[in-house]
Amino acid sequence: MQVSQGAALLTLVLWVLCSPALSTEGKRKLQIGVKKWVDNCPIKSRKGDVLHMHYTGKLEDGTEFDSSLTCDQPFVFTLGTGQVIKGWDQGLLGMCEGEKRKLVIPSELGYGDRGAPPEIPGGATLIFEVELLKIERRQEL
């Protein structure tokens, strides 16, 4: 009888540790990998800079959902102002012109539980290959 109680307790402990509701899934972090370093980097991207980027976005299964390369038109936005997903606002800080990065963005820093149907399902981790083409820095007053 003690063996079955021990097995039941072990099963309960494993269930609690593996339960999605109690796991640390909501605390996953942004992963940033540098794919191409730049030797000469006079300025690094910071909040308020206008960035010109090329990117390709994929889901974890490799399905491509968007790319600036297909139309050969860079994506232009202001960093750190909420114009893009949080994973970009955080993952593109400190970049140099010409640098390439790979960003693995948990859903909490992407489109969350709602996703961006039909291309991006809710809860999706996003993988972006990005290249910073140009930084426009506004002169401080």
N, C-alpha and C. Protein backbone atom coordinates (compact mmCIF):
# COMPACT_ATOMS: atom_id res chain seq x y z
N MET A 1 0.81 -1.20 0.00
CA MET A 1 0.00 0.00 0.00
C MET A 1 0.86 1.26 0.00
N GLN A 2 2.00 1.24 0.70
CA GLN A 2 2.87 2.40 0.75
C GLN A 2 3.48 2.71 -0.61
N VAL A 3 3.73 1.69 -1.43
CA VAL A 3 4.29 1.90 -2.76
C VAL A 3 3.30 2.68 -3.62
N SER A 4 2.02 2.33 -3.57
CA SER A 4 1.03 3.04 -4.39
C SER A 4 0.83 4.47 -3.90
N GLN A 5 0.95 4.70 -2.58
CA GLN A 5 0.85 6.07 -2.07
C GLN A 5 2.05 6.90 -2.54
N GLY A 6 3.22 6.29 -2.54
CA GLY A 6 4.42 6.97 -3.03
C GLY A 6 4.30 7.30 -4.50
N ALA A 7 3.77 6.36 -5.29
CA ALA A 7 3.57 6.59 -6.72
C ALA A 7 2.55 7.70 -6.95
N ALA A 8 1.50 7.72 -6.14
CA ALA A 8 0.48 8.76 -6.27
C ALA A 8 1.07 10.12 -5.94
N LEU A 9 1.89 10.18 -4.89
CA LEU A 9 2.52 11.43 -4.51
C LEU A 9 3.48 11.91 -5.60
N LEU A 10 4.27 10.99 -6.16
CA LEU A 10 5.17 11.34 -7.25
C LEU A 10 4.40 11.86 -8.45
N THR A 11 3.29 11.19 -8.79
CA THR A 11 2.45 11.63 -9.90
C THR A 11 1.91 13.04 -9.65
N LEU A 12 1.47 13.30 -8.43
CA LEU A 12 0.94 14.62 -8.08
C LEU A 12 2.03 15.69 -8.20
N VAL A 13 3.22 15.39 -7.70
CA VAL A 13 4.32 16.35 -7.78
C VAL A 13 4.67 16.64 -9.24
N LEU A 14 4.77 15.60 -10.05
CA LEU A 14 5.06 15.80 -11.47
C LEU A 14 3.97 16.59 -12.16
N TRP A 15 2.71 16.33 -11.83
CA TRP A 15 1.61 17.05 -12.44
C TRP A 15 1.69 18.54 -12.10
N VAL A 16 1.99 18.85 -10.84
CA VAL A 16 2.09 20.25 -10.42
C VAL A 16 3.25 20.94 -11.14
N LEU A 17 4.39 20.26 -11.24
CA LEU A 17 5.55 20.86 -11.91
C LEU A 17 5.33 21.05 -13.39
N CYS A 18 4.57 20.18 -14.03
CA CYS A 18 4.38 20.23 -15.48
C CYS A 18 3.09 20.91 -15.90
N SER A 19 2.26 21.28 -14.96
CA SER A 19 0.97 21.89 -15.28
C SER A 19 1.17 23.25 -15.94
N PRO A 20 0.55 23.47 -17.11
CA PRO A 20 0.70 24.76 -17.79
C PRO A 20 0.24 25.94 -16.94
N ALA A 21 -0.79 25.75 -16.16
CA ALA A 21 -1.32 26.85 -15.35
C ALA A 21 -0.34 27.27 -14.27
N LEU A 22 0.51 26.36 -13.84
CA LEU A 22 1.43 26.67 -12.75
C LEU A 22 2.87 26.78 -13.20
N SER A 23 3.12 26.60 -14.47
CA SER A 23 4.50 26.62 -14.97
C SER A 23 5.01 28.05 -15.10
N THR A 24 6.27 28.18 -15.49
CA THR A 24 6.86 29.50 -15.69
C THR A 24 6.80 29.91 -17.16
N GLU A 25 5.92 29.30 -17.92
CA GLU A 25 5.81 29.58 -19.36
C GLU A 25 5.64 31.07 -19.62
N GLY A 26 4.87 31.76 -18.80
CA GLY A 26 4.64 33.18 -19.00
C GLY A 26 5.87 34.04 -18.75
N LYS A 27 6.94 33.42 -18.28
CA LYS A 27 8.14 34.16 -17.96
C LYS A 27 9.27 33.86 -18.95
N ARG A 28 8.92 33.35 -20.13
CA ARG A 28 9.97 33.08 -21.13
C ARG A 28 10.59 34.39 -21.56
N LYS A 29 11.85 34.33 -21.96
CA LYS A 29 12.58 35.55 -22.28
C LYS A 29 12.89 35.64 -23.77
N LEU A 30 13.07 36.85 -24.19
CA LEU A 30 13.53 37.16 -25.53
C LEU A 30 14.93 36.60 -25.72
N GLN A 31 15.17 35.93 -26.85
CA GLN A 31 16.51 35.43 -27.16
C GLN A 31 17.05 36.23 -28.34
N ILE A 32 18.28 36.73 -28.20
CA ILE A 32 18.91 37.55 -29.23
C ILE A 32 20.23 36.90 -29.63
N GLY A 33 20.37 36.60 -30.91
CA GLY A 33 21.62 36.05 -31.42
C GLY A 33 22.15 36.95 -32.52
N VAL A 34 23.43 37.26 -32.48
CA VAL A 34 24.03 38.08 -33.52
C VAL A 34 24.52 37.16 -34.63
N LYS A 35 24.00 37.36 -35.84
CA LYS A 35 24.35 36.53 -37.00
C LYS A 35 25.50 37.14 -37.79
N LYS A 36 25.61 38.49 -37.75
CA LYS A 36 26.69 39.18 -38.45
C LYS A 36 27.11 40.39 -37.62
N TRP A 37 28.36 40.39 -37.20
CA TRP A 37 28.92 41.50 -36.45
C TRP A 37 29.41 42.58 -37.41
N VAL A 38 29.49 43.81 -36.92
CA VAL A 38 30.00 44.93 -37.71
C VAL A 38 31.23 45.47 -37.00
N ASP A 39 32.33 45.61 -37.75
CA ASP A 39 33.58 46.10 -37.15
C ASP A 39 33.51 47.58 -36.81
N ASN A 40 33.05 48.41 -37.75
CA ASN A 40 33.00 49.85 -37.55
C ASN A 40 31.56 50.23 -37.20
N CYS A 41 31.34 50.62 -35.95
CA CYS A 41 29.98 50.93 -35.50
C CYS A 41 29.98 52.26 -34.76
N PRO A 42 29.89 53.37 -35.51
CA PRO A 42 29.93 54.69 -34.87
C PRO A 42 28.70 55.00 -34.02
N ILE A 43 27.54 54.46 -34.37
CA ILE A 43 26.35 54.66 -33.54
C ILE A 43 25.59 53.35 -33.43
N LYS A 44 24.98 53.15 -32.26
CA LYS A 44 24.14 51.97 -32.01
C LYS A 44 22.71 52.45 -31.82
N SER A 45 21.78 51.61 -32.25
CA SER A 45 20.36 51.98 -32.17
C SER A 45 19.93 52.18 -30.72
N ARG A 46 19.06 53.18 -30.54
CA ARG A 46 18.51 53.46 -29.22
C ARG A 46 17.07 53.95 -29.39
N LYS A 47 16.38 54.03 -28.27
CA LYS A 47 14.99 54.47 -28.27
C LYS A 47 14.88 55.84 -28.95
N GLY A 48 13.91 55.98 -29.85
CA GLY A 48 13.69 57.23 -30.56
C GLY A 48 14.32 57.27 -31.94
N ASP A 49 15.25 56.34 -32.24
CA ASP A 49 15.85 56.28 -33.57
C ASP A 49 14.86 55.75 -34.59
N VAL A 50 14.95 56.25 -35.81
CA VAL A 50 14.18 55.69 -36.92
C VAL A 50 15.06 54.64 -37.58
N LEU A 51 14.57 53.40 -37.59
CA LEU A 51 15.34 52.29 -38.14
C LEU A 51 14.78 51.85 -39.48
N HIS A 52 15.68 51.50 -40.39
CA HIS A 52 15.33 50.92 -41.69
C HIS A 52 15.81 49.47 -41.63
N MET A 53 14.87 48.54 -41.68
CA MET A 53 15.19 47.13 -41.45
C MET A 53 14.73 46.25 -42.61
N HIS A 54 15.48 45.17 -42.83
CA HIS A 54 14.97 44.05 -43.60
C HIS A 54 14.73 42.93 -42.60
N TYR A 55 13.69 42.15 -42.82
CA TYR A 55 13.35 41.09 -41.86
C TYR A 55 12.62 39.96 -42.57
N THR A 56 12.69 38.80 -41.96
CA THR A 56 11.86 37.65 -42.33
C THR A 56 11.35 37.06 -41.02
N GLY A 57 10.04 36.88 -40.95
CA GLY A 57 9.42 36.32 -39.76
C GLY A 57 8.90 34.92 -40.02
N LYS A 58 9.19 34.02 -39.08
CA LYS A 58 8.74 32.63 -39.20
C LYS A 58 8.16 32.16 -37.88
N LEU A 59 7.31 31.13 -37.99
CA LEU A 59 6.82 30.44 -36.81
C LEU A 59 7.83 29.36 -36.44
N GLU A 60 7.66 28.74 -35.29
CA GLU A 60 8.61 27.70 -34.85
C GLU A 60 8.68 26.52 -35.80
N ASP A 61 7.59 26.24 -36.52
CA ASP A 61 7.60 25.11 -37.46
C ASP A 61 8.25 25.47 -38.80
N GLY A 62 8.75 26.71 -38.92
CA GLY A 62 9.43 27.14 -40.13
C GLY A 62 8.55 27.85 -41.14
N THR A 63 7.25 27.95 -40.86
CA THR A 63 6.34 28.64 -41.77
C THR A 63 6.63 30.14 -41.77
N GLU A 64 6.94 30.68 -42.95
CA GLU A 64 7.20 32.11 -43.08
C GLU A 64 5.87 32.84 -43.12
N PHE A 65 5.73 33.88 -42.28
CA PHE A 65 4.48 34.64 -42.27
C PHE A 65 4.64 36.06 -42.82
N ASP A 66 5.88 36.55 -42.90
CA ASP A 66 6.07 37.90 -43.44
C ASP A 66 7.55 38.13 -43.74
N SER A 67 7.82 38.99 -44.72
CA SER A 67 9.19 39.34 -45.05
C SER A 67 9.21 40.64 -45.84
N SER A 68 10.16 41.51 -45.50
CA SER A 68 10.35 42.74 -46.27
C SER A 68 11.13 42.45 -47.54
N LEU A 69 11.77 41.30 -47.59
CA LEU A 69 12.61 40.96 -48.74
C LEU A 69 11.78 40.63 -49.99
N THR A 70 10.56 40.15 -49.80
CA THR A 70 9.74 39.76 -50.95
C THR A 70 9.38 40.96 -51.83
N CYS A 71 9.27 42.14 -51.22
CA CYS A 71 8.97 43.34 -52.02
C CYS A 71 10.18 44.25 -52.11
N ASP A 72 11.33 43.81 -51.57
CA ASP A 72 12.58 44.56 -51.62
C ASP A 72 12.40 45.99 -51.11
N GLN A 73 11.58 46.12 -50.07
CA GLN A 73 11.29 47.43 -49.48
C GLN A 73 11.57 47.35 -47.99
N PRO A 74 12.55 48.10 -47.48
CA PRO A 74 12.82 48.07 -46.04
C PRO A 74 11.62 48.53 -45.23
N PHE A 75 11.51 48.00 -44.02
CA PHE A 75 10.49 48.41 -43.07
C PHE A 75 11.08 49.53 -42.23
N VAL A 76 10.36 50.66 -42.12
CA VAL A 76 10.86 51.84 -41.42
C VAL A 76 9.93 52.14 -40.24
N PHE A 77 10.51 52.34 -39.06
CA PHE A 77 9.72 52.62 -37.86
C PHE A 77 10.61 53.30 -36.82
N THR A 78 9.98 53.85 -35.78
CA THR A 78 10.71 54.48 -34.69
C THR A 78 10.82 53.49 -33.54
N LEU A 79 12.04 53.23 -33.10
CA LEU A 79 12.32 52.25 -32.06
C LEU A 79 11.88 52.75 -30.69
N GLY A 80 11.26 51.85 -29.93
CA GLY A 80 10.92 52.15 -28.54
C GLY A 80 9.66 52.97 -28.34
N THR A 81 8.83 53.07 -29.37
CA THR A 81 7.62 53.89 -29.26
C THR A 81 6.33 53.07 -29.40
N GLY A 82 6.45 51.74 -29.42
CA GLY A 82 5.27 50.89 -29.52
C GLY A 82 4.73 50.73 -30.93
N GLN A 83 5.48 51.15 -31.93
CA GLN A 83 5.04 50.97 -33.33
C GLN A 83 5.17 49.53 -33.77
N VAL A 84 6.00 48.75 -33.07
CA VAL A 84 6.22 47.34 -33.39
C VAL A 84 6.00 46.51 -32.12
N ILE A 85 6.05 45.20 -32.25
CA ILE A 85 5.87 44.34 -31.08
C ILE A 85 7.00 44.57 -30.07
N LYS A 86 6.72 44.27 -28.81
CA LYS A 86 7.69 44.51 -27.73
C LYS A 86 9.00 43.77 -27.97
N GLY A 87 8.94 42.59 -28.55
CA GLY A 87 10.15 41.82 -28.83
C GLY A 87 11.10 42.56 -29.76
N TRP A 88 10.55 43.32 -30.68
CA TRP A 88 11.38 44.15 -31.57
C TRP A 88 11.91 45.37 -30.82
N ASP A 89 11.03 46.06 -30.09
CA ASP A 89 11.47 47.25 -29.35
C ASP A 89 12.62 46.92 -28.40
N GLN A 90 12.62 45.72 -27.85
CA GLN A 90 13.70 45.31 -26.93
C GLN A 90 14.88 44.68 -27.68
N GLY A 91 14.59 43.85 -28.67
CA GLY A 91 15.61 43.06 -29.33
C GLY A 91 16.46 43.80 -30.35
N LEU A 92 16.05 45.01 -30.72
CA LEU A 92 16.80 45.78 -31.71
C LEU A 92 17.62 46.91 -31.09
N LEU A 93 17.58 47.02 -29.78
CA LEU A 93 18.39 48.04 -29.09
C LEU A 93 19.87 47.69 -29.21
N GLY A 94 20.69 48.70 -29.39
CA GLY A 94 22.14 48.50 -29.42
C GLY A 94 22.67 47.87 -30.70
N MET A 95 21.88 47.92 -31.77
CA MET A 95 22.32 47.36 -33.05
C MET A 95 23.12 48.39 -33.84
N CYS A 96 24.00 47.87 -34.71
CA CYS A 96 24.79 48.70 -35.62
C CYS A 96 24.26 48.57 -37.04
N GLU A 97 24.45 49.61 -37.83
CA GLU A 97 24.09 49.50 -39.25
C GLU A 97 24.88 48.35 -39.88
N GLY A 98 24.19 47.50 -40.62
CA GLY A 98 24.81 46.35 -41.25
C GLY A 98 24.78 45.08 -40.42
N GLU A 99 24.44 45.21 -39.13
CA GLU A 99 24.38 44.04 -38.24
C GLU A 99 23.14 43.20 -38.55
N LYS A 100 23.28 41.89 -38.37
CA LYS A 100 22.16 40.96 -38.53
C LYS A 100 21.97 40.21 -37.22
N ARG A 101 20.70 40.06 -36.84
CA ARG A 101 20.36 39.33 -35.62
C ARG A 101 19.26 38.33 -35.89
N LYS A 102 19.22 37.35 -35.02
CA LYS A 102 18.09 36.41 -34.98
C LYS A 102 17.40 36.62 -33.64
N LEU A 103 16.11 36.92 -33.69
CA LEU A 103 15.32 37.14 -32.49
C LEU A 103 14.33 35.99 -32.32
N VAL A 104 14.31 35.36 -31.16
CA VAL A 104 13.29 34.37 -30.83
C VAL A 104 12.42 35.04 -29.77
N ILE A 105 11.18 35.34 -30.17
CA ILE A 105 10.30 36.20 -29.37
C ILE A 105 9.14 35.37 -28.81
N PRO A 106 9.06 35.26 -27.47
CA PRO A 106 7.92 34.55 -26.88
C PRO A 106 6.63 35.31 -27.15
N SER A 107 5.53 34.60 -27.12
CA SER A 107 4.24 35.22 -27.47
C SER A 107 3.93 36.45 -26.63
N GLU A 108 4.38 36.47 -25.37
CA GLU A 108 4.10 37.61 -24.49
C GLU A 108 4.71 38.90 -25.02
N LEU A 109 5.78 38.78 -25.81
CA LEU A 109 6.44 39.96 -26.39
C LEU A 109 6.11 40.09 -27.88
N GLY A 110 5.19 39.24 -28.34
CA GLY A 110 4.76 39.26 -29.74
C GLY A 110 3.29 39.65 -29.81
N TYR A 111 2.47 38.70 -30.25
CA TYR A 111 1.04 38.97 -30.42
C TYR A 111 0.17 38.32 -29.35
N GLY A 112 0.81 37.70 -28.34
CA GLY A 112 0.08 37.16 -27.21
C GLY A 112 -0.88 36.03 -27.57
N ASP A 113 -1.85 35.84 -26.70
CA ASP A 113 -2.82 34.76 -26.88
C ASP A 113 -3.76 34.99 -28.06
N ARG A 114 -3.95 36.22 -28.47
CA ARG A 114 -4.86 36.51 -29.58
C ARG A 114 -4.22 36.22 -30.94
N GLY A 115 -2.89 36.32 -31.02
CA GLY A 115 -2.21 36.12 -32.29
C GLY A 115 -2.51 37.23 -33.27
N ALA A 116 -2.27 36.96 -34.54
CA ALA A 116 -2.58 37.89 -35.63
C ALA A 116 -3.10 37.04 -36.78
N PRO A 117 -4.34 36.53 -36.61
CA PRO A 117 -4.91 35.60 -37.60
C PRO A 117 -4.99 36.23 -38.99
N PRO A 118 -4.90 35.45 -40.04
CA PRO A 118 -4.78 33.99 -40.00
C PRO A 118 -3.33 33.51 -39.98
N GLU A 119 -2.36 34.39 -40.19
CA GLU A 119 -0.97 33.96 -40.32
C GLU A 119 -0.33 33.52 -39.00
N ILE A 120 -0.64 34.23 -37.92
CA ILE A 120 0.02 33.96 -36.65
C ILE A 120 -1.00 33.50 -35.61
N PRO A 121 -0.92 32.25 -35.20
CA PRO A 121 -1.88 31.75 -34.20
C PRO A 121 -1.60 32.31 -32.82
N GLY A 122 -2.60 32.30 -31.96
CA GLY A 122 -2.43 32.74 -30.59
C GLY A 122 -1.37 31.92 -29.87
N GLY A 123 -0.60 32.57 -29.03
CA GLY A 123 0.43 31.90 -28.25
C GLY A 123 1.69 31.54 -29.02
N ALA A 124 1.82 32.03 -30.25
CA ALA A 124 2.95 31.65 -31.11
C ALA A 124 4.25 32.33 -30.70
N THR A 125 5.33 31.53 -30.68
CA THR A 125 6.68 32.06 -30.57
C THR A 125 7.10 32.48 -31.98
N LEU A 126 7.68 33.67 -32.11
CA LEU A 126 8.06 34.20 -33.41
C LEU A 126 9.58 34.20 -33.55
N ILE A 127 10.04 33.89 -34.75
CA ILE A 127 11.47 33.88 -35.04
C ILE A 127 11.73 34.85 -36.18
N PHE A 128 12.53 35.86 -35.91
CA PHE A 128 12.84 36.87 -36.91
C PHE A 128 14.33 36.88 -37.22
N GLU A 129 14.65 36.93 -38.50
CA GLU A 129 16.00 37.23 -38.97
C GLU A 129 15.92 38.69 -39.41
N VAL A 130 16.72 39.55 -38.81
CA VAL A 130 16.64 40.99 -39.08
C VAL A 130 18.01 41.53 -39.48
N GLU A 131 17.98 42.58 -40.31
CA GLU A 131 19.20 43.29 -40.69
C GLU A 131 18.91 44.77 -40.60
N LEU A 132 19.76 45.48 -39.86
CA LEU A 132 19.62 46.93 -39.73
C LEU A 132 20.37 47.61 -40.87
N LEU A 133 19.62 48.25 -41.75
CA LEU A 133 20.21 48.90 -42.92
C LEU A 133 20.66 50.33 -42.63
N LYS A 134 19.86 51.05 -41.82
CA LYS A 134 20.15 52.47 -41.62
C LYS A 134 19.53 52.93 -40.30
N ILE A 135 20.25 53.81 -39.61
CA ILE A 135 19.75 54.47 -38.40
C ILE A 135 19.62 55.95 -38.69
N GLU A 136 18.44 56.50 -38.45
CA GLU A 136 18.25 57.96 -38.52
C GLU A 136 18.12 58.43 -37.08
N ARG A 137 19.09 59.21 -36.65
CA ARG A 137 19.08 59.72 -35.29
C ARG A 137 18.60 61.16 -35.30
N ARG A 138 17.58 61.42 -34.53
CA ARG A 138 17.08 62.79 -34.41
C ARG A 138 18.02 63.58 -33.52
N GLN A 139 18.33 64.77 -33.93
CA GLN A 139 19.24 65.61 -33.15
C GLN A 139 18.53 66.07 -31.88
N GLU A 140 19.22 65.95 -30.76
CA GLU A 140 18.64 66.36 -29.49
C GLU A 140 18.67 67.88 -29.39
N LEU A 141 17.63 68.42 -28.79
CA LEU A 141 17.53 69.89 -28.65
C LEU A 141 18.26 70.38 -27.44
